[in-house]
Amino acid sequence: MRRNAGLFVAISVLSGFGSSAMSLVAGIWILDLTGSTSLAALAGLCVYAPVLAGPWLGGLLDRAPRRPLVIAVNLMLAAALLALLAVRGPGQTWLIFAVSGAYGVSYVLIDAGETALLPSAVAPTELGDVNGWRSSAQEGMKLVAPLAGAGLYAWRGGHAVAVLSAATPVLVSILYAVLRLNRTPPDQPTESAGGPRTGLVVLFGQRATRLPVVLAAVSIAMSGFTTAGIYAIVVTELRLPTTFLGVLASAQGAGSVLGGLIVGRLIAARGPVAVGVAGTALFAIGCLARCLPWWPATVVGAVVIGVGLPWTLVAAVTAVQTHTPSALLGRVSATANTAMFGPLVVAIPLGSAAVHLGARPPLIAAAAICLTAVASTVRLPPTPRRPGPPTGRRANPDPSAVRLDTV
């Protein structure tokens, strides 16, 4: 079992490095090819659009052998990344968008596949530890990969980053192939458990899950809405090179590691709703800091946002895990992911249009929307607290473990 745990951590390191490097470079590459901050921000839209089909894509894992499917998805992703070698000028920008879309589909399938395979690879008593190690590995890669990707892009161009990113899913496929799956995974929800509407009813029918998920959805949507504004702040207002975006991404990753170390204790002490409120407020403060005409303030804002965003996400997923019946947890979790990440599909293009008003208006608007959501939540009267999870499930004590249930 320890061998499998090490393999899963290695998978997280490799996949986290490749995806983090390429996701940043895709935007920089489009910006350099077209000169358009709006088009550069739209690369993120292609990554997040497939999350709208999360409940249906995730269903493939219940109808096909999981390990072969995850391996096949990784190999197809590698082939898609190598297609970027054909990019020579603005006329091939569409290829970068297409590969970003392939990344989005792979995120949905691979994340769900890893979550489903893990119980077959390690003992139940080790699940929390392995999930925590994987989360730490993923966040750690956010500190290294963006700078490495931006540096490689500045040195050798986008083609070199594409080759490096294509190598990582191939290596990940090899690691999946050598896993020893000795345990039978838990029963999967069947179609008799209901369709997507069932997930919506369970998710939004109770305050304990509704409020944290809404707060996370607002914060995550505003993170997409401000993408073009951040590009414009760096390039137009601060007159810094596009590779400075790698510094900001790494600063946000550092904030995520810091936030992840303490969020579990905060949830235990104050509950998911309070932590979601705090995370949304921190995100708003980070947006306002980025509006200051001083690059250190922009870096500090990235760190604050790095703390706040994971707090909202971990609070929401922890609430879903704690207050959802076991038989519906997979379906409700997928619905929650769609609710939290689906608004990005609208927020990113709106932000790309709003940046034409200036670099700072989208950031100020995002802060105002988040603070409004916080104020609305604080004013709502609390409902009586339940004595415990209604499912008989123990709440996950390791907040980093919930990372695996996100897209």
Protein backbone atom coordinates (compact mmCIF):
# COMPACT_ATOMS: atom_id res chain seq x y z
CA MET A 1 0.00 0.00 0.00
CA ARG A 2 2.88 2.38 0.72
CA ARG A 3 4.14 1.73 -2.80
CA ASN A 4 0.77 2.75 -4.26
CA ALA A 5 0.69 5.84 -2.04
CA GLY A 6 4.07 6.92 -3.38
CA LEU A 7 2.89 6.36 -6.95
CA PHE A 8 -0.18 8.53 -6.41
CA VAL A 9 1.95 11.33 -4.98
CA ALA A 10 4.30 11.07 -7.96
CA ILE A 11 1.29 11.25 -10.29
CA SER A 12 0.17 14.44 -8.55
CA VAL A 13 3.64 15.97 -8.87
CA LEU A 14 3.92 15.22 -12.59
CA SER A 15 0.38 16.15 -13.58
CA GLY A 16 0.47 19.29 -11.42
CA PHE A 17 3.74 20.42 -12.96
CA GLY A 18 2.66 19.90 -16.57
CA SER A 19 -0.78 21.44 -16.23
CA SER A 20 0.35 24.44 -14.17
CA ALA A 21 3.17 25.26 -16.59
CA MET A 22 1.04 24.95 -19.71
CA SER A 23 -2.04 26.73 -18.38
CA LEU A 24 0.00 29.89 -17.75
CA VAL A 25 2.05 29.67 -20.94
CA ALA A 26 -1.09 29.22 -23.07
CA GLY A 27 -2.29 32.69 -22.09
CA ILE A 28 1.18 34.25 -22.50
CA TRP A 29 1.60 32.58 -25.91
CA ILE A 30 -1.73 33.89 -27.18
CA LEU A 31 -0.94 37.35 -25.83
CA ASP A 32 2.40 37.44 -27.64
CA LEU A 33 0.88 36.11 -30.89
CA THR A 34 -2.13 38.41 -31.00
CA GLY A 35 -1.37 41.30 -28.65
CA SER A 36 -4.86 40.88 -27.19
CA THR A 37 -5.31 40.53 -23.44
CA SER A 38 -8.94 39.54 -24.03
CA LEU A 39 -8.00 36.58 -26.24
CA ALA A 40 -5.31 35.55 -23.79
CA ALA A 41 -7.86 35.41 -20.98
CA LEU A 42 -10.23 33.35 -23.12
CA ALA A 43 -7.76 30.45 -23.02
CA GLY A 44 -9.04 29.83 -19.50
CA LEU A 45 -12.60 29.61 -20.83
CA CYS A 46 -11.67 26.57 -22.91
CA VAL A 47 -10.21 24.88 -19.85
CA TYR A 48 -13.26 25.42 -17.65
CA ALA A 49 -16.08 24.99 -20.19
CA PRO A 50 -16.08 21.16 -19.99
CA VAL A 51 -16.87 21.32 -16.28
CA LEU A 52 -20.46 22.08 -17.31
CA ALA A 53 -20.66 18.47 -18.47
CA GLY A 54 -19.01 17.16 -15.30
CA PRO A 55 -21.90 14.99 -14.02
CA TRP A 56 -22.25 13.33 -17.44
CA LEU A 57 -18.51 12.96 -18.18
CA GLY A 58 -17.98 11.52 -14.72
CA GLY A 59 -20.60 8.90 -15.51
CA LEU A 60 -18.22 7.37 -18.06
CA LEU A 61 -16.13 6.10 -15.17
CA ASP A 62 -19.07 4.02 -13.98
CA ARG A 63 -19.53 2.37 -17.37
CA ALA A 64 -15.92 1.72 -18.43
CA PRO A 65 -12.84 0.20 -16.77
CA ARG A 66 -11.42 3.11 -14.83
CA ARG A 67 -7.68 2.57 -15.07
CA PRO A 68 -7.62 1.98 -18.86
CA LEU A 69 -9.85 5.03 -19.34
CA VAL A 70 -7.60 7.29 -17.26
CA ILE A 71 -4.49 6.02 -19.08
CA ALA A 72 -6.14 6.58 -22.47
CA VAL A 73 -7.16 10.13 -21.54
CA ASN A 74 -3.60 10.96 -20.49
CA LEU A 75 -2.15 9.60 -23.72
CA MET A 76 -4.67 11.52 -25.82
CA LEU A 77 -3.79 14.68 -23.88
CA ALA A 78 -0.10 14.15 -24.70
CA ALA A 79 -0.94 13.82 -28.40
CA ALA A 80 -3.02 16.99 -28.27
CA LEU A 81 -0.16 18.92 -26.66
CA LEU A 82 2.25 17.84 -29.38
CA ALA A 83 -0.13 19.38 -31.92
CA LEU A 84 1.04 22.75 -30.60
CA LEU A 85 4.31 22.22 -32.49
CA ALA A 86 2.33 23.36 -35.54
CA VAL A 87 1.80 26.85 -34.07
CA ARG A 88 3.89 29.31 -36.10
CA GLY A 89 1.93 32.55 -35.95
CA PRO A 90 -1.42 34.20 -35.17
CA GLY A 91 -3.14 32.00 -37.76
CA GLN A 92 -2.61 28.93 -35.57
CA THR A 93 -3.85 30.51 -32.34
CA TRP A 94 -6.93 28.31 -32.60
CA LEU A 95 -4.74 25.29 -31.87
CA ILE A 96 -3.87 26.71 -28.46
CA PHE A 97 -7.56 27.16 -27.71
CA ALA A 98 -8.28 23.59 -28.86
CA VAL A 99 -5.58 22.14 -26.64
CA SER A 100 -6.88 24.19 -23.71
CA GLY A 101 -10.26 22.56 -24.31
CA ALA A 102 -8.62 19.13 -24.32
CA TYR A 103 -7.06 19.97 -20.98
CA GLY A 104 -10.50 20.86 -19.64
CA VAL A 105 -12.03 17.54 -20.64
CA SER A 106 -9.06 15.65 -19.24
CA TYR A 107 -9.33 17.49 -15.92
CA VAL A 108 -12.91 16.28 -15.47
CA LEU A 109 -12.19 12.66 -16.36
CA ILE A 110 -8.78 12.30 -14.70
CA ASP A 111 -9.77 13.97 -11.42
CA ALA A 112 -12.87 11.80 -11.16
CA GLY A 113 -10.85 8.73 -12.14
CA GLU A 114 -8.18 9.35 -9.53
CA THR A 115 -10.82 9.79 -6.85
CA ALA A 116 -12.47 6.51 -7.88
CA LEU A 117 -9.21 4.53 -8.17
CA LEU A 118 -7.66 5.61 -4.87
CA PRO A 119 -9.89 3.40 -2.64
CA SER A 120 -8.81 0.44 -4.77
CA ALA A 121 -5.13 1.18 -4.22
CA VAL A 122 -4.74 2.02 -0.52
CA ALA A 123 -6.31 0.91 2.73
CA PRO A 124 -9.27 2.95 4.01
CA THR A 125 -7.22 4.12 6.98
CA GLU A 126 -4.63 5.61 4.62
CA LEU A 127 -7.01 7.56 2.40
CA GLY A 128 -6.83 10.79 4.40
CA ASP A 129 -3.02 10.74 4.56
CA VAL A 130 -2.58 10.00 0.86
CA ASN A 131 -5.09 12.67 -0.11
CA GLY A 132 -3.23 15.18 2.04
CA TRP A 133 0.14 14.27 0.49
CA ARG A 134 -1.32 14.61 -2.99
CA SER A 135 -2.82 17.99 -2.22
CA SER A 136 0.51 19.23 -0.85
CA ALA A 137 2.26 18.01 -3.99
CA GLN A 138 -0.24 19.77 -6.25
CA GLU A 139 0.04 23.07 -4.40
CA GLY A 140 3.81 22.79 -4.29
CA MET A 141 3.91 22.47 -8.05
CA LYS A 142 2.07 25.78 -8.30
CA LEU A 143 5.12 27.38 -6.72
CA VAL A 144 7.57 25.84 -9.19
CA ALA A 145 5.77 25.11 -12.44
CA PRO A 146 4.55 28.62 -13.43
CA LEU A 147 8.02 30.11 -13.03
CA ALA A 148 9.62 27.16 -14.79
CA GLY A 149 7.10 27.31 -17.64
CA ALA A 150 7.44 31.06 -18.05
CA GLY A 151 11.24 30.81 -17.92
CA LEU A 152 11.33 28.03 -20.50
CA TYR A 153 8.94 30.00 -22.68
CA ALA A 154 11.16 33.09 -22.49
CA TRP A 155 14.23 30.98 -23.31
CA ARG A 156 13.03 28.53 -25.98
CA GLY A 157 9.44 29.53 -26.80
CA GLY A 158 6.08 27.83 -26.59
CA HIS A 159 7.10 24.70 -28.49
CA ALA A 160 9.55 23.69 -25.75
CA VAL A 161 6.85 24.08 -23.10
CA ALA A 162 4.45 21.99 -25.19
CA VAL A 163 6.97 19.14 -25.44
CA LEU A 164 7.68 19.25 -21.70
CA SER A 165 3.96 19.29 -20.87
CA ALA A 166 3.32 16.40 -23.28
CA ALA A 167 5.92 14.26 -21.54
CA THR A 168 4.21 14.49 -18.16
CA PRO A 169 0.93 12.69 -19.05
CA VAL A 170 2.95 9.91 -20.71
CA LEU A 171 4.89 9.39 -17.49
CA VAL A 172 1.65 9.58 -15.53
CA SER A 173 0.18 6.81 -17.72
CA ILE A 174 3.15 4.59 -16.91
CA LEU A 175 2.65 5.16 -13.19
CA TYR A 176 -1.05 4.30 -13.49
CA ALA A 177 -0.14 1.09 -15.31
CA VAL A 178 2.08 -0.14 -12.47
CA LEU A 179 -0.43 0.56 -9.70
CA ARG A 180 -1.54 -2.52 -7.78
CA LEU A 181 -5.32 -2.34 -7.44
CA ASN A 182 -6.04 -4.90 -4.76
CA ARG A 183 -9.14 -3.48 -3.13
CA THR A 184 -12.71 -3.29 -4.35
CA PRO A 185 -13.86 0.33 -4.59
CA PRO A 186 -17.06 1.44 -2.87
CA ASP A 187 -20.31 0.92 -4.71
CA GLN A 188 -21.01 3.66 -7.22
CA PRO A 189 -24.32 5.55 -7.36
CA THR A 190 -26.64 3.99 -9.87
CA GLU A 191 -29.05 5.60 -12.24
CA SER A 192 -31.83 4.64 -9.83
CA ALA A 193 -30.35 7.16 -7.40
CA GLY A 194 -31.62 9.90 -9.65
CA GLY A 195 -30.26 12.20 -12.33
CA PRO A 196 -28.62 15.62 -12.25
CA ARG A 197 -31.80 17.13 -10.80
CA THR A 198 -31.38 14.97 -7.70
CA GLY A 199 -27.94 16.43 -7.16
CA LEU A 200 -29.32 19.95 -7.42
CA VAL A 201 -32.12 19.26 -4.93
CA VAL A 202 -29.78 17.76 -2.34
CA LEU A 203 -27.09 20.40 -2.85
CA PHE A 204 -29.25 23.52 -2.67
CA GLY A 205 -32.00 22.15 -0.44
CA GLN A 206 -30.05 22.71 2.77
CA ARG A 207 -28.29 25.80 4.08
CA ALA A 208 -25.23 23.85 5.25
CA THR A 209 -24.23 23.05 1.68
CA ARG A 210 -25.97 25.84 -0.24
CA LEU A 211 -24.16 28.81 1.33
CA PRO A 212 -20.57 27.50 1.10
CA VAL A 213 -21.10 26.37 -2.50
CA VAL A 214 -22.58 29.74 -3.50
CA LEU A 215 -19.70 31.61 -1.86
CA ALA A 216 -17.18 29.40 -3.64
CA ALA A 217 -19.00 29.84 -6.94
CA VAL A 218 -18.94 33.63 -6.60
CA SER A 219 -15.24 33.73 -5.70
CA ILE A 220 -14.18 31.32 -8.43
CA ALA A 221 -16.29 33.12 -11.02
CA MET A 222 -14.72 36.44 -10.06
CA SER A 223 -11.26 34.90 -10.36
CA GLY A 224 -12.07 34.22 -14.01
CA PHE A 225 -13.72 37.60 -14.47
CA THR A 226 -10.51 39.37 -13.37
CA THR A 227 -8.08 37.36 -15.54
CA ALA A 228 -7.98 39.86 -18.39
CA GLY A 229 -7.76 42.71 -15.89
CA ILE A 230 -4.69 41.15 -14.28
CA TYR A 231 -3.04 40.78 -17.69
CA ALA A 232 -3.77 44.44 -18.38
CA ILE A 233 -2.49 45.54 -14.96
CA VAL A 234 0.84 43.79 -15.57
CA VAL A 235 1.35 44.72 -19.22
CA THR A 236 -0.37 48.11 -19.55
CA GLU A 237 -0.41 49.71 -16.10
CA LEU A 238 2.81 48.39 -14.56
CA ARG A 239 4.60 47.97 -17.93
CA LEU A 240 6.15 44.68 -16.89
CA PRO A 241 7.00 41.73 -19.19
CA THR A 242 4.36 39.04 -19.65
CA THR A 243 6.60 36.56 -17.84
CA PHE A 244 5.87 38.49 -14.60
CA LEU A 245 2.56 36.63 -14.66
CA GLY A 246 4.59 33.59 -13.62
CA VAL A 247 5.72 35.44 -10.49
CA LEU A 248 2.10 36.22 -9.64
CA ALA A 249 1.04 32.61 -10.21
CA SER A 250 3.78 31.36 -7.91
CA ALA A 251 2.86 33.95 -5.27
CA GLN A 252 -0.74 32.74 -5.41
CA GLY A 253 0.51 29.17 -5.08
CA ALA A 254 2.45 30.13 -1.94
CA GLY A 255 -0.73 31.59 -0.49
CA SER A 256 -2.59 28.37 -1.29
CA VAL A 257 -0.03 26.28 0.59
CA LEU A 258 -0.24 28.61 3.59
CA GLY A 259 -4.03 28.64 3.54
CA GLY A 260 -4.22 24.86 3.25
CA LEU A 261 -2.16 24.40 6.40
CA ILE A 262 -4.69 26.17 8.61
CA VAL A 263 -8.06 25.85 6.90
CA GLY A 264 -8.86 22.51 8.55
CA ARG A 265 -8.56 23.93 12.05
CA LEU A 266 -10.66 26.92 11.04
CA ILE A 267 -13.43 24.72 9.68
CA ALA A 268 -13.38 22.60 12.84
CA ALA A 269 -13.61 25.71 14.99
CA ARG A 270 -15.97 27.94 13.01
CA GLY A 271 -17.69 25.74 10.42
CA PRO A 272 -17.66 25.75 6.60
CA VAL A 273 -19.96 28.75 6.22
CA ALA A 274 -17.75 31.04 8.32
CA VAL A 275 -14.61 29.89 6.50
CA GLY A 276 -16.31 30.42 3.14
CA VAL A 277 -17.21 33.96 4.20
CA ALA A 278 -13.62 34.65 5.29
CA GLY A 279 -12.19 33.24 2.07
CA THR A 280 -14.51 35.32 -0.11
CA ALA A 281 -13.62 38.46 1.85
CA LEU A 282 -9.90 37.74 1.45
CA PHE A 283 -10.37 37.32 -2.29
CA ALA A 284 -12.03 40.75 -2.45
CA ILE A 285 -9.15 42.31 -0.50
CA GLY A 286 -6.65 40.71 -2.87
CA CYS A 287 -8.46 42.17 -5.89
CA LEU A 288 -8.30 45.65 -4.38
CA ALA A 289 -4.59 45.24 -3.60
CA ARG A 290 -3.96 44.42 -7.24
CA CYS A 291 -5.46 47.77 -8.21
CA LEU A 292 -2.63 49.67 -6.51
CA PRO A 293 -0.03 51.11 -8.94
CA TRP A 294 2.86 49.31 -7.26
CA TRP A 295 4.07 45.86 -8.30
CA PRO A 296 4.81 44.61 -4.73
CA ALA A 297 1.16 45.28 -3.86
CA THR A 298 0.16 43.14 -6.85
CA VAL A 299 2.29 40.30 -5.52
CA VAL A 300 0.81 40.66 -2.03
CA GLY A 301 -2.67 40.64 -3.56
CA ALA A 302 -1.82 37.37 -5.32
CA VAL A 303 -0.76 35.81 -2.01
CA VAL A 304 -3.97 36.96 -0.28
CA ILE A 305 -6.07 35.59 -3.13
CA GLY A 306 -4.09 32.35 -2.91
CA VAL A 307 -5.21 32.01 0.70
CA GLY A 308 -8.82 33.03 0.14
CA LEU A 309 -9.77 30.98 -2.92
CA PRO A 310 -8.82 27.58 -1.43
CA TRP A 311 -10.66 28.46 1.76
CA THR A 312 -13.89 28.92 -0.18
CA LEU A 313 -13.35 25.74 -2.17
CA VAL A 314 -12.31 23.54 0.77
CA ALA A 315 -15.20 24.87 2.87
CA ALA A 316 -17.71 24.08 0.12
CA VAL A 317 -16.46 20.58 -0.60
CA THR A 318 -16.14 19.74 3.10
CA ALA A 319 -19.74 20.83 3.61
CA VAL A 320 -20.86 18.63 0.71
CA GLN A 321 -18.94 15.63 2.05
CA THR A 322 -20.32 16.10 5.55
CA HIS A 323 -23.99 16.75 4.80
CA THR A 324 -24.66 14.54 1.75
CA PRO A 325 -26.01 10.97 1.97
CA SER A 326 -23.33 8.46 1.00
CA ALA A 327 -25.37 7.00 -1.84
CA LEU A 328 -25.62 10.41 -3.51
CA LEU A 329 -22.18 11.82 -2.70
CA GLY A 330 -20.68 11.23 -6.13
CA ARG A 331 -23.58 12.81 -7.98
CA VAL A 332 -23.87 15.74 -5.57
CA SER A 333 -20.10 16.35 -5.62
CA ALA A 334 -20.13 16.48 -9.42
CA THR A 335 -23.09 18.86 -9.32
CA ALA A 336 -21.25 21.03 -6.78
CA ASN A 337 -18.20 21.15 -9.05
CA THR A 338 -20.38 22.28 -11.93
CA ALA A 339 -22.06 24.89 -9.72
CA MET A 340 -18.71 26.23 -8.52
CA PHE A 341 -16.72 26.16 -11.76
CA GLY A 342 -19.46 26.39 -14.38
CA PRO A 343 -19.95 30.18 -13.96
CA LEU A 344 -16.39 30.66 -15.24
CA VAL A 345 -17.71 29.93 -18.71
CA VAL A 346 -19.66 33.21 -18.54
CA ALA A 347 -17.36 35.16 -16.23
CA ILE A 348 -14.20 34.85 -18.33
CA PRO A 349 -15.65 36.32 -21.56
CA LEU A 350 -17.46 39.02 -19.58
CA GLY A 351 -14.17 39.95 -17.96
CA SER A 352 -12.47 39.97 -21.35
CA ALA A 353 -15.07 42.48 -22.52
CA ALA A 354 -15.00 44.54 -19.32
CA VAL A 355 -11.24 45.09 -19.58
CA HIS A 356 -11.93 47.47 -22.46
CA LEU A 357 -13.18 49.87 -19.77
CA GLY A 358 -9.73 49.75 -18.18
CA ALA A 359 -7.59 47.37 -16.19
CA ARG A 360 -8.96 48.25 -12.76
CA PRO A 361 -12.79 48.33 -13.22
CA PRO A 362 -13.09 44.51 -13.47
CA LEU A 363 -11.05 44.08 -10.28
CA ILE A 364 -13.11 46.67 -8.40
CA ALA A 365 -16.36 45.12 -9.65
CA ALA A 366 -15.23 41.65 -8.58
CA ALA A 367 -14.36 42.91 -5.09
CA ALA A 368 -17.76 44.59 -4.80
CA ILE A 369 -19.62 41.43 -5.89
CA CYS A 370 -17.70 39.26 -3.41
CA LEU A 371 -18.27 41.67 -0.53
CA THR A 372 -21.97 41.79 -1.40
CA ALA A 373 -22.12 37.99 -1.23
CA VAL A 374 -20.36 38.09 2.14
CA ALA A 375 -22.76 40.71 3.50
CA SER A 376 -25.78 38.75 2.27
CA THR A 377 -24.54 35.57 3.91
CA VAL A 378 -23.78 37.25 7.22
CA ARG A 379 -27.29 38.73 7.36
CA LEU A 380 -28.99 35.38 6.79
CA PRO A 381 -30.30 33.82 10.02
CA PRO A 382 -28.64 30.49 10.82
CA THR A 383 -30.65 27.31 10.84
CA PRO A 384 -30.49 24.95 13.82
CA ARG A 385 -27.30 22.92 13.71
CA ARG A 386 -27.69 19.20 13.12
CA PRO A 387 -26.18 16.92 15.73
CA GLY A 388 -24.00 15.24 13.13
CA PRO A 389 -23.73 14.21 9.49
CA PRO A 390 -27.06 12.75 8.37
CA THR A 391 -25.36 9.91 6.53
CA GLY A 392 -23.44 8.34 9.35
CA ARG A 393 -20.25 9.35 7.54
CA ARG A 394 -17.43 10.83 9.56
CA ALA A 395 -16.53 14.32 8.42
CA ASN A 396 -13.16 14.27 6.69
CA PRO A 397 -10.67 15.61 9.27
CA ASP A 398 -8.06 16.35 6.64
CA PRO A 399 -9.16 19.44 4.70
CA SER A 400 -6.55 18.90 2.03
CA ALA A 401 -8.17 15.61 1.15
CA VAL A 402 -11.17 17.34 -0.35
CA ARG A 403 -8.96 18.61 -3.13
CA LEU A 404 -9.45 15.35 -4.94
CA ASP A 405 -13.17 15.94 -5.30
CA THR A 406 -12.61 19.15 -7.28
CA VAL A 407 -12.30 19.48 -11.00
